[in-house]
Amino acid sequence: MSDGICEPLLASLKECLLRTDCVLKQNFPPSVCLKEHGHELPLECQHLRQALFDCKRSKLDMRKRFRGYAKPGSEKVGGGSELPDKPNVGGA
């Protein structure tokens, strides 16, 4: 099922984890550092972890595939989608 969309993020996260004090100084495996010491990871690794999570989640959400991502704050209460503003052509 892996189509490689999230692979660059996964590779970057692995590299980031291998450079952490948790792995280098405390000799924990990267998986333990990620699961049990996630709050101690550098900000870069935390952001990569969140980005990888979002990437994997977007692969599962069929609505995102067809509708795209909504702009923050543009959601309507009734659940309808907004159409983009039409350009003002002709000055009317």
N, C-alpha and C. Protein backbone atom coordinates (compact mmCIF):
# COMPACT_ATOMS: atom_id res chain seq x y z
N MET A 1 0.82 -1.19 0.00
CA MET A 1 0.00 0.00 0.00
C MET A 1 0.86 1.25 0.00
N SER A 2 2.13 1.09 0.30
CA SER A 2 3.03 2.23 0.36
C SER A 2 3.30 2.74 -1.05
N ASP A 3 2.89 3.99 -1.29
CA ASP A 3 3.10 4.56 -2.60
C ASP A 3 4.23 5.58 -2.60
N GLY A 4 4.89 5.75 -1.48
CA GLY A 4 6.07 6.59 -1.43
C GLY A 4 5.83 8.07 -1.19
N ILE A 5 4.59 8.49 -1.01
CA ILE A 5 4.31 9.90 -0.81
C ILE A 5 4.93 10.39 0.51
N CYS A 6 4.85 9.59 1.54
CA CYS A 6 5.34 10.00 2.86
C CYS A 6 6.78 9.54 3.13
N GLU A 7 7.36 8.81 2.20
CA GLU A 7 8.70 8.26 2.40
C GLU A 7 9.77 9.32 2.70
N PRO A 8 9.80 10.47 2.01
CA PRO A 8 10.82 11.47 2.34
C PRO A 8 10.71 11.99 3.77
N LEU A 9 9.48 12.14 4.26
CA LEU A 9 9.28 12.57 5.64
C LEU A 9 9.77 11.50 6.62
N LEU A 10 9.49 10.25 6.31
CA LEU A 10 9.93 9.15 7.16
C LEU A 10 11.45 9.09 7.22
N ALA A 11 12.10 9.24 6.07
CA ALA A 11 13.56 9.22 6.02
C ALA A 11 14.15 10.38 6.82
N SER A 12 13.55 11.56 6.70
CA SER A 12 14.04 12.72 7.45
C SER A 12 13.86 12.54 8.95
N LEU A 13 12.73 11.94 9.34
CA LEU A 13 12.49 11.69 10.76
C LEU A 13 13.50 10.68 11.31
N LYS A 14 13.80 9.65 10.54
CA LYS A 14 14.79 8.66 10.97
C LYS A 14 16.16 9.30 11.17
N GLU A 15 16.56 10.13 10.21
CA GLU A 15 17.85 10.82 10.33
C GLU A 15 17.87 11.73 11.54
N CYS A 16 16.79 12.44 11.76
CA CYS A 16 16.69 13.35 12.90
C CYS A 16 16.79 12.58 14.21
N LEU A 17 16.10 11.46 14.31
CA LEU A 17 16.13 10.66 15.54
C LEU A 17 17.53 10.12 15.83
N LEU A 18 18.24 9.76 14.78
CA LEU A 18 19.59 9.21 14.97
C LEU A 18 20.58 10.26 15.47
N ARG A 19 20.25 11.55 15.32
CA ARG A 19 21.12 12.63 15.79
C ARG A 19 20.76 13.14 17.18
N THR A 20 19.75 12.56 17.83
CA THR A 20 19.29 13.06 19.12
C THR A 20 20.15 12.52 20.26
N ASP A 21 20.11 13.23 21.38
CA ASP A 21 20.81 12.79 22.59
C ASP A 21 20.23 11.48 23.12
N CYS A 22 18.94 11.29 22.90
CA CYS A 22 18.27 10.07 23.36
C CYS A 22 18.94 8.84 22.74
N VAL A 23 19.29 8.92 21.48
CA VAL A 23 19.93 7.80 20.79
C VAL A 23 21.43 7.79 21.04
N LEU A 24 22.08 8.95 20.88
CA LEU A 24 23.53 9.02 20.95
C LEU A 24 24.09 8.87 22.36
N LYS A 25 23.50 9.56 23.33
CA LYS A 25 24.05 9.57 24.68
C LYS A 25 23.40 8.56 25.61
N GLN A 26 22.08 8.40 25.46
CA GLN A 26 21.37 7.50 26.37
C GLN A 26 21.24 6.09 25.79
N ASN A 27 21.67 5.89 24.55
CA ASN A 27 21.70 4.59 23.88
C ASN A 27 20.34 3.89 23.78
N PHE A 28 19.27 4.69 23.66
CA PHE A 28 17.96 4.11 23.42
C PHE A 28 17.80 3.91 21.91
N PRO A 29 17.04 2.90 21.50
CA PRO A 29 16.73 2.78 20.07
C PRO A 29 15.79 3.92 19.65
N PRO A 30 15.83 4.31 18.39
CA PRO A 30 14.97 5.41 17.93
C PRO A 30 13.49 5.19 18.21
N SER A 31 13.02 3.96 18.13
CA SER A 31 11.61 3.69 18.38
C SER A 31 11.23 4.02 19.83
N VAL A 32 12.10 3.72 20.77
CA VAL A 32 11.84 4.03 22.19
C VAL A 32 11.86 5.54 22.39
N CYS A 33 12.82 6.20 21.76
CA CYS A 33 12.90 7.66 21.88
C CYS A 33 11.63 8.31 21.36
N LEU A 34 11.10 7.80 20.27
CA LEU A 34 9.91 8.36 19.65
C LEU A 34 8.67 8.12 20.52
N LYS A 35 8.55 6.93 21.09
CA LYS A 35 7.37 6.58 21.86
C LYS A 35 7.39 7.11 23.29
N GLU A 36 8.52 6.97 23.97
CA GLU A 36 8.57 7.28 25.40
C GLU A 36 9.22 8.62 25.73
N HIS A 37 10.01 9.16 24.82
CA HIS A 37 10.72 10.41 25.09
C HIS A 37 10.41 11.46 24.02
N GLY A 38 9.20 11.39 23.46
CA GLY A 38 8.82 12.29 22.39
C GLY A 38 8.85 13.75 22.78
N HIS A 39 8.52 14.05 24.03
CA HIS A 39 8.52 15.44 24.49
C HIS A 39 9.93 16.00 24.66
N GLU A 40 10.93 15.12 24.73
CA GLU A 40 12.32 15.56 24.89
C GLU A 40 13.04 15.73 23.55
N LEU A 41 12.40 15.33 22.47
CA LEU A 41 13.04 15.40 21.16
C LEU A 41 13.20 16.85 20.72
N PRO A 42 14.20 17.12 19.89
CA PRO A 42 14.36 18.48 19.35
C PRO A 42 13.11 18.89 18.56
N LEU A 43 12.90 20.18 18.45
CA LEU A 43 11.72 20.70 17.78
C LEU A 43 11.64 20.22 16.33
N GLU A 44 12.78 20.11 15.67
CA GLU A 44 12.80 19.63 14.28
C GLU A 44 12.20 18.24 14.18
N CYS A 45 12.58 17.35 15.09
CA CYS A 45 12.06 15.98 15.06
C CYS A 45 10.57 15.96 15.40
N GLN A 46 10.15 16.80 16.32
CA GLN A 46 8.74 16.87 16.66
C GLN A 46 7.91 17.34 15.48
N HIS A 47 8.42 18.32 14.74
CA HIS A 47 7.70 18.80 13.56
C HIS A 47 7.65 17.74 12.47
N LEU A 48 8.75 17.02 12.28
CA LEU A 48 8.76 15.95 11.28
C LEU A 48 7.80 14.83 11.67
N ARG A 49 7.72 14.54 12.95
CA ARG A 49 6.80 13.51 13.43
C ARG A 49 5.35 13.91 13.13
N GLN A 50 5.02 15.17 13.40
CA GLN A 50 3.66 15.66 13.14
C GLN A 50 3.37 15.67 11.64
N ALA A 51 4.36 16.08 10.85
CA ALA A 51 4.17 16.12 9.39
C ALA A 51 3.96 14.72 8.84
N LEU A 52 4.69 13.75 9.35
CA LEU A 52 4.52 12.36 8.92
C LEU A 52 3.13 11.84 9.31
N PHE A 53 2.70 12.17 10.51
CA PHE A 53 1.36 11.78 10.96
C PHE A 53 0.29 12.37 10.04
N ASP A 54 0.42 13.66 9.74
CA ASP A 54 -0.55 14.32 8.86
C ASP A 54 -0.54 13.72 7.46
N CYS A 55 0.64 13.38 6.97
CA CYS A 55 0.75 12.77 5.64
C CYS A 55 0.05 11.42 5.61
N LYS A 56 0.30 10.59 6.60
CA LYS A 56 -0.33 9.27 6.63
C LYS A 56 -1.84 9.39 6.80
N ARG A 57 -2.28 10.34 7.62
CA ARG A 57 -3.71 10.53 7.82
C ARG A 57 -4.38 11.00 6.53
N SER A 58 -3.72 11.87 5.79
CA SER A 58 -4.32 12.37 4.55
C SER A 58 -4.45 11.27 3.51
N LYS A 59 -3.60 10.25 3.58
CA LYS A 59 -3.72 9.13 2.65
C LYS A 59 -4.97 8.30 2.91
N LEU A 60 -5.45 8.33 4.15
CA LEU A 60 -6.62 7.54 4.53
C LEU A 60 -7.93 8.28 4.36
N ASP A 61 -7.88 9.61 4.36
CA ASP A 61 -9.09 10.42 4.30
C ASP A 61 -9.47 10.68 2.85
N MET A 62 -10.47 9.96 2.38
CA MET A 62 -10.89 10.09 0.98
C MET A 62 -11.45 11.48 0.66
N ARG A 63 -12.05 12.13 1.65
CA ARG A 63 -12.60 13.47 1.40
C ARG A 63 -11.49 14.45 1.05
N LYS A 64 -10.34 14.31 1.70
CA LYS A 64 -9.20 15.19 1.42
C LYS A 64 -8.67 14.97 0.00
N ARG A 65 -8.74 13.75 -0.46
CA ARG A 65 -8.24 13.45 -1.80
C ARG A 65 -9.03 14.18 -2.88
N PHE A 66 -10.34 14.27 -2.69
CA PHE A 66 -11.18 14.86 -3.72
C PHE A 66 -11.43 16.34 -3.51
N ARG A 67 -11.57 16.76 -2.27
CA ARG A 67 -11.91 18.15 -1.99
C ARG A 67 -10.71 19.04 -1.76
N GLY A 68 -9.60 18.46 -1.39
CA GLY A 68 -8.43 19.27 -1.05
C GLY A 68 -8.52 19.74 0.39
N TYR A 69 -7.54 20.49 0.80
CA TYR A 69 -7.49 20.97 2.18
C TYR A 69 -8.15 22.33 2.29
N ALA A 70 -8.96 22.50 3.31
CA ALA A 70 -9.64 23.78 3.53
C ALA A 70 -8.68 24.76 4.18
N LYS A 71 -8.88 26.03 3.89
CA LYS A 71 -8.08 27.07 4.52
C LYS A 71 -8.52 27.18 5.98
N PRO A 72 -7.59 27.44 6.91
CA PRO A 72 -7.98 27.59 8.31
C PRO A 72 -9.00 28.71 8.47
N GLY A 73 -10.07 28.44 9.21
CA GLY A 73 -11.08 29.44 9.48
C GLY A 73 -12.12 29.59 8.39
N SER A 74 -12.06 28.80 7.34
CA SER A 74 -13.02 28.95 6.25
C SER A 74 -14.14 27.91 6.32
N GLU A 75 -14.18 27.13 7.39
CA GLU A 75 -15.21 26.11 7.51
C GLU A 75 -16.54 26.75 7.86
N LYS A 76 -17.61 26.26 7.23
CA LYS A 76 -18.95 26.75 7.52
C LYS A 76 -19.59 25.85 8.56
N VAL A 77 -20.56 26.40 9.27
CA VAL A 77 -21.26 25.65 10.30
C VAL A 77 -22.09 24.55 9.67
N GLY A 78 -22.72 24.80 8.53
CA GLY A 78 -23.59 23.83 7.89
C GLY A 78 -22.85 22.74 7.15
N GLY A 79 -21.51 22.83 7.06
CA GLY A 79 -20.74 21.79 6.40
C GLY A 79 -20.62 21.96 4.90
N GLY A 80 -21.17 23.04 4.34
CA GLY A 80 -21.06 23.26 2.91
C GLY A 80 -19.68 23.78 2.56
N SER A 81 -19.30 23.60 1.32
CA SER A 81 -17.99 24.08 0.91
C SER A 81 -18.14 25.44 0.26
N GLU A 82 -17.14 26.27 0.46
CA GLU A 82 -17.15 27.60 -0.14
C GLU A 82 -16.57 27.53 -1.54
N LEU A 83 -17.17 28.29 -2.43
CA LEU A 83 -16.60 28.40 -3.77
C LEU A 83 -15.61 29.55 -3.75
N PRO A 84 -14.56 29.44 -4.56
CA PRO A 84 -13.59 30.53 -4.58
C PRO A 84 -14.23 31.78 -5.14
N ASP A 85 -13.74 32.95 -4.68
CA ASP A 85 -14.25 34.21 -5.19
C ASP A 85 -13.96 34.33 -6.67
N LYS A 86 -14.93 34.84 -7.40
CA LYS A 86 -14.74 35.04 -8.83
C LYS A 86 -14.04 36.38 -9.04
N PRO A 87 -13.10 36.43 -9.96
CA PRO A 87 -12.45 37.69 -10.22
C PRO A 87 -13.41 38.69 -10.84
N ASN A 88 -13.21 39.96 -10.54
CA ASN A 88 -14.05 41.01 -11.06
C ASN A 88 -13.60 41.37 -12.46
N VAL A 89 -14.22 40.75 -13.44
CA VAL A 89 -13.85 40.98 -14.84
C VAL A 89 -14.83 41.96 -15.44
N GLY A 90 -14.36 42.99 -16.06
CA GLY A 90 -15.22 43.95 -16.72
C GLY A 90 -15.63 45.09 -15.81
N GLY A 91 -15.16 45.15 -14.59
CA GLY A 91 -15.43 46.26 -13.68
C GLY A 91 -16.83 46.32 -13.12
N ALA A 92 -17.63 45.28 -13.24
CA ALA A 92 -19.00 45.32 -12.73
C ALA A 92 -19.10 44.81 -11.33
